[in-house]
Each structure stands twice: as C-alpha cells, then as structure tokens.
N, C-alpha and C. Protein backbone atom coordinates (compact mmCIF):
# COMPACT_ATOMS: atom_id res chain seq x y z
N MET A 1 -28.70 42.19 -29.56
CA MET A 1 -27.98 41.51 -30.62
C MET A 1 -27.12 42.49 -31.40
N TRP A 2 -27.63 43.72 -31.59
CA TRP A 2 -26.84 44.72 -32.31
C TRP A 2 -25.54 44.99 -31.57
N LYS A 3 -25.63 45.12 -30.26
CA LYS A 3 -24.44 45.36 -29.44
C LYS A 3 -23.48 44.17 -29.55
N ALA A 4 -24.02 42.97 -29.51
CA ALA A 4 -23.18 41.77 -29.62
C ALA A 4 -22.49 41.71 -30.98
N PHE A 5 -23.23 41.96 -32.06
CA PHE A 5 -22.62 41.95 -33.40
C PHE A 5 -21.52 43.01 -33.50
N SER A 6 -21.79 44.19 -32.96
CA SER A 6 -20.80 45.28 -32.99
C SER A 6 -19.54 44.90 -32.22
N GLU A 7 -19.69 44.27 -31.06
CA GLU A 7 -18.54 43.86 -30.26
C GLU A 7 -17.75 42.75 -30.95
N LEU A 8 -18.45 41.82 -31.59
CA LEU A 8 -17.77 40.76 -32.33
C LEU A 8 -16.95 41.35 -33.48
N LYS A 9 -17.49 42.34 -34.14
CA LYS A 9 -16.76 43.00 -35.23
C LYS A 9 -15.53 43.73 -34.68
N GLU A 10 -15.71 44.43 -33.57
CA GLU A 10 -14.60 45.17 -32.95
C GLU A 10 -13.47 44.21 -32.54
N LEU A 11 -13.82 43.02 -32.09
CA LEU A 11 -12.83 42.02 -31.70
C LEU A 11 -12.18 41.34 -32.91
N GLY A 12 -12.73 41.57 -34.09
CA GLY A 12 -12.20 40.94 -35.29
C GLY A 12 -12.75 39.54 -35.53
N TRP A 13 -13.74 39.15 -34.77
CA TRP A 13 -14.32 37.82 -34.92
C TRP A 13 -15.43 37.77 -35.96
N LEU A 14 -15.86 38.93 -36.41
CA LEU A 14 -16.91 39.03 -37.41
C LEU A 14 -16.39 39.91 -38.53
N LYS A 15 -16.43 39.41 -39.74
CA LYS A 15 -15.94 40.14 -40.91
C LYS A 15 -17.13 40.62 -41.74
N GLY A 16 -16.91 41.65 -42.52
CA GLY A 16 -17.94 42.13 -43.44
C GLY A 16 -18.94 43.05 -42.77
N LYS A 17 -20.04 43.25 -43.47
CA LYS A 17 -21.09 44.15 -42.99
C LYS A 17 -21.84 43.53 -41.81
N LEU A 18 -22.29 44.41 -40.94
CA LEU A 18 -23.18 43.95 -39.87
C LEU A 18 -24.58 43.76 -40.44
N PRO A 19 -25.37 42.88 -39.84
CA PRO A 19 -26.71 42.62 -40.39
C PRO A 19 -27.68 43.77 -40.16
N LYS A 20 -28.72 43.79 -40.97
CA LYS A 20 -29.82 44.72 -40.74
C LYS A 20 -30.61 44.20 -39.54
N MET A 21 -30.98 45.10 -38.69
CA MET A 21 -31.81 44.72 -37.55
C MET A 21 -33.25 45.08 -37.88
N ILE A 22 -34.14 44.13 -37.64
CA ILE A 22 -35.54 44.29 -38.00
C ILE A 22 -36.39 44.01 -36.77
N ALA A 23 -37.24 44.95 -36.43
CA ALA A 23 -38.16 44.77 -35.30
C ALA A 23 -39.52 44.36 -35.84
N VAL A 24 -40.04 43.26 -35.30
CA VAL A 24 -41.37 42.80 -35.66
C VAL A 24 -42.21 42.79 -34.39
N GLN A 25 -43.34 43.46 -34.43
CA GLN A 25 -44.25 43.49 -33.30
C GLN A 25 -45.64 43.12 -33.76
N SER A 26 -46.47 42.76 -32.80
CA SER A 26 -47.87 42.49 -33.10
C SER A 26 -48.58 43.82 -33.32
N SER A 27 -49.54 43.84 -34.22
CA SER A 27 -50.30 45.07 -34.46
C SER A 27 -51.09 45.49 -33.23
N GLY A 28 -51.28 44.57 -32.29
CA GLY A 28 -51.98 44.89 -31.04
C GLY A 28 -51.10 45.56 -30.00
N CYS A 29 -49.80 45.64 -30.27
CA CYS A 29 -48.86 46.31 -29.37
C CYS A 29 -47.59 46.59 -30.16
N ALA A 30 -47.55 47.77 -30.79
CA ALA A 30 -46.43 48.07 -31.69
C ALA A 30 -45.85 49.47 -31.47
N PRO A 31 -45.42 49.77 -30.24
CA PRO A 31 -44.89 51.12 -30.00
C PRO A 31 -43.57 51.38 -30.72
N ILE A 32 -42.73 50.39 -30.90
CA ILE A 32 -41.45 50.58 -31.60
C ILE A 32 -41.72 50.84 -33.08
N VAL A 33 -42.63 50.07 -33.65
CA VAL A 33 -42.99 50.26 -35.07
C VAL A 33 -43.54 51.67 -35.27
N ASP A 34 -44.43 52.09 -34.38
CA ASP A 34 -45.03 53.41 -34.48
C ASP A 34 -43.95 54.50 -34.40
N ALA A 35 -43.04 54.39 -33.44
CA ALA A 35 -41.96 55.38 -33.29
C ALA A 35 -41.04 55.38 -34.50
N PHE A 36 -40.72 54.19 -35.01
CA PHE A 36 -39.85 54.08 -36.18
C PHE A 36 -40.49 54.77 -37.39
N GLU A 37 -41.75 54.47 -37.63
CA GLU A 37 -42.46 55.05 -38.78
C GLU A 37 -42.59 56.57 -38.67
N LYS A 38 -42.69 57.08 -37.44
CA LYS A 38 -42.82 58.53 -37.24
C LYS A 38 -41.47 59.23 -37.12
N GLY A 39 -40.38 58.47 -37.16
CA GLY A 39 -39.05 59.06 -37.06
C GLY A 39 -38.70 59.54 -35.66
N LEU A 40 -39.36 58.99 -34.65
CA LEU A 40 -39.12 59.39 -33.26
C LEU A 40 -37.92 58.64 -32.67
N ASN A 41 -37.33 59.22 -31.63
CA ASN A 41 -36.23 58.57 -30.92
C ASN A 41 -36.70 57.80 -29.70
N HIS A 42 -37.93 58.03 -29.29
CA HIS A 42 -38.53 57.32 -28.17
C HIS A 42 -39.94 56.91 -28.55
N ALA A 43 -40.35 55.75 -28.08
CA ALA A 43 -41.70 55.27 -28.35
C ALA A 43 -42.65 55.78 -27.27
N THR A 44 -43.86 56.08 -27.66
CA THR A 44 -44.87 56.46 -26.68
C THR A 44 -45.57 55.20 -26.19
N ALA A 45 -46.12 55.28 -24.99
CA ALA A 45 -46.81 54.12 -24.39
C ALA A 45 -47.97 53.68 -25.29
N TRP A 46 -48.12 52.38 -25.41
CA TRP A 46 -49.18 51.79 -26.25
C TRP A 46 -50.36 51.46 -25.35
N ASP A 47 -51.47 52.15 -25.56
CA ASP A 47 -52.67 51.93 -24.75
C ASP A 47 -53.36 50.63 -25.15
N ASN A 48 -53.91 49.94 -24.16
CA ASN A 48 -54.69 48.72 -24.36
C ASN A 48 -53.95 47.67 -25.18
N ALA A 49 -52.69 47.43 -24.83
CA ALA A 49 -51.88 46.43 -25.53
C ALA A 49 -52.55 45.07 -25.45
N ASN A 50 -52.66 44.41 -26.61
CA ASN A 50 -53.32 43.12 -26.66
C ASN A 50 -52.75 42.30 -27.81
N THR A 51 -52.23 41.12 -27.49
CA THR A 51 -51.71 40.22 -28.52
C THR A 51 -51.62 38.81 -27.97
N VAL A 52 -51.67 37.83 -28.86
CA VAL A 52 -51.50 36.43 -28.45
C VAL A 52 -50.05 36.14 -28.07
N ALA A 53 -49.15 36.99 -28.52
CA ALA A 53 -47.72 36.81 -28.26
C ALA A 53 -47.34 37.63 -27.03
N SER A 54 -47.59 37.07 -25.86
CA SER A 54 -47.42 37.84 -24.61
C SER A 54 -45.98 38.32 -24.40
N GLY A 55 -45.00 37.61 -24.92
CA GLY A 55 -43.61 38.00 -24.74
C GLY A 55 -43.23 39.27 -25.49
N ILE A 56 -44.03 39.66 -26.47
CA ILE A 56 -43.76 40.92 -27.18
C ILE A 56 -44.87 41.95 -26.89
N ARG A 57 -45.64 41.67 -25.88
CA ARG A 57 -46.64 42.65 -25.43
C ARG A 57 -45.94 43.58 -24.42
N VAL A 58 -45.23 44.56 -24.97
CA VAL A 58 -44.43 45.49 -24.17
C VAL A 58 -44.88 46.90 -24.54
N PRO A 59 -45.87 47.42 -23.82
CA PRO A 59 -46.41 48.73 -24.18
C PRO A 59 -45.45 49.90 -23.91
N VAL A 60 -44.48 49.70 -23.01
CA VAL A 60 -43.48 50.73 -22.73
C VAL A 60 -42.12 50.04 -22.66
N ALA A 61 -41.29 50.27 -23.68
CA ALA A 61 -39.97 49.64 -23.72
C ALA A 61 -38.94 50.59 -23.10
N ILE A 62 -38.27 50.14 -22.07
CA ILE A 62 -37.27 50.97 -21.39
C ILE A 62 -36.11 51.29 -22.33
N GLY A 63 -35.71 50.35 -23.15
CA GLY A 63 -34.61 50.56 -24.08
C GLY A 63 -35.06 50.94 -25.47
N ASP A 64 -36.19 51.61 -25.57
CA ASP A 64 -36.75 51.96 -26.87
C ASP A 64 -35.76 52.70 -27.76
N PHE A 65 -35.04 53.65 -27.20
CA PHE A 65 -34.09 54.44 -28.00
C PHE A 65 -32.95 53.58 -28.52
N LEU A 66 -32.56 52.56 -27.75
CA LEU A 66 -31.50 51.65 -28.20
C LEU A 66 -31.98 50.80 -29.38
N ILE A 67 -33.20 50.33 -29.28
CA ILE A 67 -33.79 49.53 -30.36
C ILE A 67 -33.90 50.36 -31.64
N LEU A 68 -34.44 51.56 -31.49
CA LEU A 68 -34.62 52.44 -32.65
C LEU A 68 -33.27 52.83 -33.25
N ASP A 69 -32.27 53.10 -32.42
CA ASP A 69 -30.93 53.41 -32.92
C ASP A 69 -30.36 52.23 -33.71
N ALA A 70 -30.51 51.02 -33.17
CA ALA A 70 -29.96 49.84 -33.85
C ALA A 70 -30.63 49.62 -35.20
N ILE A 71 -31.93 49.79 -35.25
CA ILE A 71 -32.66 49.63 -36.52
C ILE A 71 -32.12 50.62 -37.55
N ARG A 72 -32.01 51.86 -37.14
CA ARG A 72 -31.58 52.91 -38.07
C ARG A 72 -30.11 52.78 -38.46
N GLN A 73 -29.24 52.50 -37.49
CA GLN A 73 -27.81 52.36 -37.78
C GLN A 73 -27.54 51.19 -38.73
N SER A 74 -28.39 50.18 -38.67
CA SER A 74 -28.19 48.99 -39.51
C SER A 74 -28.94 49.06 -40.83
N ASN A 75 -29.61 50.18 -41.09
CA ASN A 75 -30.47 50.31 -42.27
C ASN A 75 -31.58 49.27 -42.28
N GLY A 76 -32.05 48.95 -41.09
CA GLY A 76 -33.13 47.98 -40.94
C GLY A 76 -34.49 48.64 -41.03
N PHE A 77 -35.48 47.98 -40.47
CA PHE A 77 -36.84 48.50 -40.52
C PHE A 77 -37.66 47.85 -39.43
N ALA A 78 -38.87 48.33 -39.25
CA ALA A 78 -39.78 47.79 -38.24
C ALA A 78 -41.18 47.75 -38.83
N PHE A 79 -41.91 46.68 -38.52
CA PHE A 79 -43.30 46.62 -38.94
C PHE A 79 -44.06 45.66 -38.05
N ALA A 80 -45.37 45.77 -38.12
CA ALA A 80 -46.26 44.97 -37.28
C ALA A 80 -46.96 43.89 -38.10
N VAL A 81 -47.28 42.79 -37.43
CA VAL A 81 -48.02 41.69 -38.05
C VAL A 81 -49.29 41.44 -37.23
N GLU A 82 -50.30 40.98 -37.90
CA GLU A 82 -51.58 40.68 -37.24
C GLU A 82 -51.47 39.37 -36.45
N ASP A 83 -52.20 39.28 -35.34
CA ASP A 83 -52.19 38.06 -34.53
C ASP A 83 -52.61 36.83 -35.33
N GLU A 84 -53.59 37.01 -36.21
CA GLU A 84 -54.06 35.88 -37.02
C GLU A 84 -52.93 35.33 -37.90
N HIS A 85 -52.11 36.23 -38.43
CA HIS A 85 -50.98 35.82 -39.25
C HIS A 85 -49.93 35.10 -38.40
N ILE A 86 -49.74 35.57 -37.18
CA ILE A 86 -48.79 34.92 -36.26
C ILE A 86 -49.20 33.47 -36.01
N ILE A 87 -50.46 33.26 -35.66
CA ILE A 87 -50.93 31.90 -35.34
C ILE A 87 -50.95 31.02 -36.58
N GLU A 88 -51.37 31.57 -37.70
CA GLU A 88 -51.37 30.81 -38.96
C GLU A 88 -49.95 30.37 -39.32
N THR A 89 -48.99 31.27 -39.17
CA THR A 89 -47.59 30.95 -39.48
C THR A 89 -47.06 29.89 -38.52
N ARG A 90 -47.37 30.04 -37.24
CA ARG A 90 -46.96 29.03 -36.25
C ARG A 90 -47.49 27.65 -36.62
N ASP A 91 -48.77 27.59 -36.97
CA ASP A 91 -49.39 26.31 -37.30
C ASP A 91 -48.79 25.69 -38.56
N ILE A 92 -48.53 26.50 -39.57
CA ILE A 92 -47.93 25.99 -40.81
C ILE A 92 -46.53 25.43 -40.54
N ILE A 93 -45.72 26.17 -39.80
CA ILE A 93 -44.36 25.70 -39.48
C ILE A 93 -44.41 24.43 -38.65
N CYS A 94 -45.37 24.36 -37.73
CA CYS A 94 -45.52 23.15 -36.92
C CYS A 94 -45.86 21.94 -37.80
N LYS A 95 -46.82 22.11 -38.69
CA LYS A 95 -47.26 21.00 -39.53
C LYS A 95 -46.24 20.61 -40.59
N GLU A 96 -45.59 21.61 -41.21
CA GLU A 96 -44.69 21.32 -42.32
C GLU A 96 -43.26 21.01 -41.89
N ASP A 97 -42.81 21.64 -40.82
CA ASP A 97 -41.40 21.49 -40.42
C ASP A 97 -41.22 20.79 -39.08
N GLY A 98 -42.32 20.60 -38.34
CA GLY A 98 -42.22 19.92 -37.06
C GLY A 98 -41.61 20.76 -35.95
N LEU A 99 -41.60 22.07 -36.12
CA LEU A 99 -41.06 22.96 -35.09
C LEU A 99 -42.20 23.60 -34.32
N LEU A 100 -42.08 23.61 -33.01
CA LEU A 100 -43.11 24.21 -32.17
C LEU A 100 -42.63 25.59 -31.74
N LEU A 101 -42.97 26.60 -32.52
CA LEU A 101 -42.59 27.97 -32.20
C LEU A 101 -43.55 28.57 -31.19
N CYS A 102 -43.03 29.45 -30.38
CA CYS A 102 -43.89 30.28 -29.55
C CYS A 102 -44.48 31.35 -30.47
N PRO A 103 -45.56 32.01 -30.08
CA PRO A 103 -46.11 33.07 -30.92
C PRO A 103 -45.10 34.19 -31.20
N GLU A 104 -44.23 34.48 -30.26
CA GLU A 104 -43.23 35.52 -30.48
C GLU A 104 -42.28 35.13 -31.62
N GLY A 105 -41.84 33.88 -31.62
CA GLY A 105 -40.99 33.39 -32.70
C GLY A 105 -41.75 33.31 -34.02
N ALA A 106 -43.01 32.93 -33.95
CA ALA A 106 -43.84 32.87 -35.15
C ALA A 106 -44.07 34.27 -35.72
N ALA A 107 -44.07 35.28 -34.85
CA ALA A 107 -44.20 36.66 -35.33
C ALA A 107 -43.02 37.02 -36.22
N THR A 108 -41.82 36.56 -35.86
CA THR A 108 -40.65 36.86 -36.70
C THR A 108 -40.77 36.15 -38.05
N ALA A 109 -41.29 34.93 -38.03
CA ALA A 109 -41.48 34.20 -39.29
C ALA A 109 -42.55 34.86 -40.16
N ALA A 110 -43.62 35.33 -39.53
CA ALA A 110 -44.67 36.05 -40.27
C ALA A 110 -44.09 37.35 -40.84
N GLY A 111 -43.27 38.01 -40.05
CA GLY A 111 -42.62 39.23 -40.52
C GLY A 111 -41.69 38.96 -41.68
N TYR A 112 -40.98 37.84 -41.63
CA TYR A 112 -40.10 37.44 -42.73
C TYR A 112 -40.90 37.25 -44.01
N GLN A 113 -42.05 36.58 -43.91
CA GLN A 113 -42.90 36.37 -45.08
C GLN A 113 -43.34 37.71 -45.68
N ILE A 114 -43.74 38.63 -44.83
CA ILE A 114 -44.19 39.94 -45.31
C ILE A 114 -43.03 40.69 -45.97
N ALA A 115 -41.85 40.63 -45.34
CA ALA A 115 -40.67 41.31 -45.90
C ALA A 115 -40.32 40.75 -47.28
N LEU A 116 -40.46 39.44 -47.46
CA LEU A 116 -40.23 38.84 -48.78
C LEU A 116 -41.25 39.33 -49.79
N GLU A 117 -42.53 39.31 -49.39
CA GLU A 117 -43.60 39.74 -50.29
C GLU A 117 -43.43 41.20 -50.72
N LYS A 118 -42.99 42.05 -49.80
CA LYS A 118 -42.83 43.48 -50.11
C LYS A 118 -41.49 43.79 -50.77
N GLY A 119 -40.63 42.78 -50.92
CA GLY A 119 -39.33 43.00 -51.54
C GLY A 119 -38.33 43.71 -50.64
N ILE A 120 -38.60 43.74 -49.35
CA ILE A 120 -37.70 44.36 -48.39
C ILE A 120 -36.48 43.47 -48.16
N ILE A 121 -36.73 42.17 -48.21
CA ILE A 121 -35.68 41.17 -48.07
C ILE A 121 -35.69 40.32 -49.34
N ASN A 122 -34.51 40.01 -49.84
CA ASN A 122 -34.36 39.16 -51.00
C ASN A 122 -34.32 37.71 -50.54
N LYS A 123 -34.91 36.82 -51.29
CA LYS A 123 -34.96 35.40 -50.92
C LYS A 123 -33.56 34.78 -50.80
N ASP A 124 -32.57 35.37 -51.47
CA ASP A 124 -31.21 34.84 -51.43
C ASP A 124 -30.40 35.35 -50.24
N GLU A 125 -30.94 36.30 -49.49
CA GLU A 125 -30.21 36.84 -48.34
C GLU A 125 -30.22 35.86 -47.18
N LYS A 126 -29.16 35.90 -46.39
CA LYS A 126 -29.11 35.10 -45.16
C LYS A 126 -29.88 35.84 -44.09
N VAL A 127 -30.76 35.13 -43.41
CA VAL A 127 -31.62 35.73 -42.40
C VAL A 127 -31.62 34.84 -41.17
N ILE A 128 -31.60 35.46 -40.01
CA ILE A 128 -31.73 34.73 -38.75
C ILE A 128 -33.01 35.20 -38.08
N LEU A 129 -33.87 34.25 -37.74
CA LEU A 129 -35.09 34.55 -37.01
C LEU A 129 -34.92 34.06 -35.58
N PHE A 130 -35.20 34.91 -34.63
CA PHE A 130 -35.05 34.53 -33.23
C PHE A 130 -36.36 33.99 -32.67
N ASN A 131 -36.30 32.81 -32.08
CA ASN A 131 -37.42 32.21 -31.37
C ASN A 131 -36.97 32.12 -29.91
N CYS A 132 -37.31 33.14 -29.14
CA CYS A 132 -36.72 33.31 -27.81
C CYS A 132 -37.55 32.71 -26.68
N ALA A 133 -38.52 31.90 -26.98
CA ALA A 133 -39.34 31.29 -25.93
C ALA A 133 -39.73 29.89 -26.39
N SER A 134 -40.55 29.25 -25.62
CA SER A 134 -40.98 27.89 -25.93
C SER A 134 -42.45 27.88 -26.32
N GLY A 135 -42.75 27.13 -27.35
CA GLY A 135 -44.14 26.94 -27.74
C GLY A 135 -44.92 26.13 -26.73
N LEU A 136 -44.22 25.48 -25.80
CA LEU A 136 -44.89 24.66 -24.79
C LEU A 136 -45.65 25.48 -23.76
N LYS A 137 -45.41 26.79 -23.72
CA LYS A 137 -46.10 27.65 -22.76
C LYS A 137 -47.48 28.07 -23.26
N TYR A 138 -47.82 27.69 -24.47
CA TYR A 138 -49.05 28.13 -25.11
C TYR A 138 -49.88 26.93 -25.52
N PRO A 139 -51.17 27.14 -25.84
CA PRO A 139 -51.98 26.02 -26.36
C PRO A 139 -51.34 25.45 -27.61
N MET A 140 -51.39 24.14 -27.72
CA MET A 140 -50.76 23.46 -28.84
C MET A 140 -51.55 23.69 -30.13
N PRO A 141 -50.85 23.83 -31.26
CA PRO A 141 -51.56 23.95 -32.54
C PRO A 141 -52.20 22.61 -32.91
N ASP A 142 -53.26 22.70 -33.72
CA ASP A 142 -53.87 21.47 -34.22
C ASP A 142 -52.87 20.76 -35.11
N THR A 143 -52.93 19.45 -35.09
CA THR A 143 -52.04 18.67 -35.95
C THR A 143 -52.86 18.01 -37.05
N ASN A 144 -52.21 17.72 -38.16
CA ASN A 144 -52.94 17.08 -39.25
C ASN A 144 -52.62 15.59 -39.34
N LYS A 145 -51.77 15.10 -38.44
CA LYS A 145 -51.42 13.68 -38.46
C LYS A 145 -51.40 13.15 -37.03
N ASN A 146 -51.91 11.95 -36.86
CA ASN A 146 -51.89 11.30 -35.55
C ASN A 146 -51.32 9.91 -35.70
N ILE A 147 -50.64 9.46 -34.70
CA ILE A 147 -50.14 8.09 -34.68
C ILE A 147 -50.84 7.36 -33.55
N ASP A 148 -51.44 6.24 -33.89
CA ASP A 148 -52.09 5.41 -32.89
C ASP A 148 -51.02 4.54 -32.25
N LYS A 149 -50.72 4.80 -31.00
CA LYS A 149 -49.64 4.08 -30.32
C LYS A 149 -49.92 2.59 -30.16
N ASP A 150 -51.18 2.18 -30.27
CA ASP A 150 -51.54 0.77 -30.08
C ASP A 150 -51.60 -0.01 -31.39
N SER A 151 -51.45 0.65 -32.53
CA SER A 151 -51.52 -0.06 -33.81
C SER A 151 -50.13 -0.51 -34.24
N ASP A 152 -50.12 -1.43 -35.20
CA ASP A 152 -48.85 -1.86 -35.78
C ASP A 152 -48.27 -0.70 -36.58
N LEU A 153 -46.99 -0.52 -36.48
CA LEU A 153 -46.33 0.59 -37.16
C LEU A 153 -46.10 0.23 -38.62
N GLU A 154 -46.56 1.08 -39.53
CA GLU A 154 -46.36 0.87 -40.95
C GLU A 154 -45.21 1.74 -41.40
N PHE A 155 -44.06 1.15 -41.56
CA PHE A 155 -42.85 1.90 -41.90
C PHE A 155 -42.93 2.55 -43.28
N SER A 156 -43.79 2.04 -44.14
CA SER A 156 -43.90 2.64 -45.48
C SER A 156 -44.45 4.06 -45.44
N LYS A 157 -45.06 4.46 -44.33
CA LYS A 157 -45.59 5.81 -44.19
C LYS A 157 -44.48 6.84 -43.96
N PHE A 158 -43.32 6.35 -43.57
CA PHE A 158 -42.21 7.26 -43.26
C PHE A 158 -41.18 7.20 -44.37
N SER A 159 -40.66 8.35 -44.75
CA SER A 159 -39.61 8.37 -45.76
C SER A 159 -38.28 8.66 -45.07
N ILE A 160 -37.25 8.14 -45.66
CA ILE A 160 -35.91 8.32 -45.07
C ILE A 160 -35.09 9.21 -45.97
C-alpha cells in the first residue's frame, strides 16, 4: 500500500501528505513489531508462531525490510495485539455493526482501539483498516439475536 500511495502521489492523483503506515500483528507472531521496536532493518524468525489469525502468522517475512522502511518513512508505528482482543473485537463488530471480519481484519480494528487509547491516533483522524480476507473461513462468532424463520415477522422490531 505504501508503494501504491507513493505512485499515486507521483502521478498527481493524490494530494497532501501520505498516510502513516501501521503494522499490527498478533502477539503470538510479531517479528515486524519486534524488529521495529529494536530499530532493526530486518526481522528475525519468530519461533513457535501461534495465533488465531492465520493470515498474519508469518514468522519470516520476505519483504520485512520493505515493511519496516514504509513504517519509518511514513512516521508510522508497529505493535502487537493479543488473540483474545482480536476475537473480542471481531465479535463486537459482528454484533454491533453486522460485519463479519476475519481475525486478521479484526486485528487491525483491535490495533485501532489500542492506538486511540494510547493517544497514538486522534479520534478525528481519517483511518483505513484493511480486512483482507473473509470471516467465512473461520468459525462463526456467537450471535445475540436469532430470527425464527417459521414465525410471523414483527416489523416493529426493526427500525428504519
């Protein structure tokens, strides 16, 4: 995405500052976060990688230096979130907003919450969270509402 934003700016299709790039990983597999925090240009292999978000379980990133460069060039940051927070965030978004995020996408939302709490991101800033997979590949979150398909529909339960 950093490369894409840079190319859009070079073409004149994007005006103003480029966005901060933020890497969010699971605490069970966070080699980019570890390298960023240590000021390294390359991430070391993460032993015994384990997370519910299999799409971000990448113990050895081939493009690690590109990711770290993009974070630093954009004045961004990197941090890890706990798996429990990922699943809790996914479930809340599912229940409150009706969106079925994959755990990888929910990790970005959990990271956003943490960044707000720590004052790293201001609530008034524009933020894009990437949900790059489907929640359908994972066990479904519990729901707090059920509709009985055989009962009469009570329209008063729905607001317009």
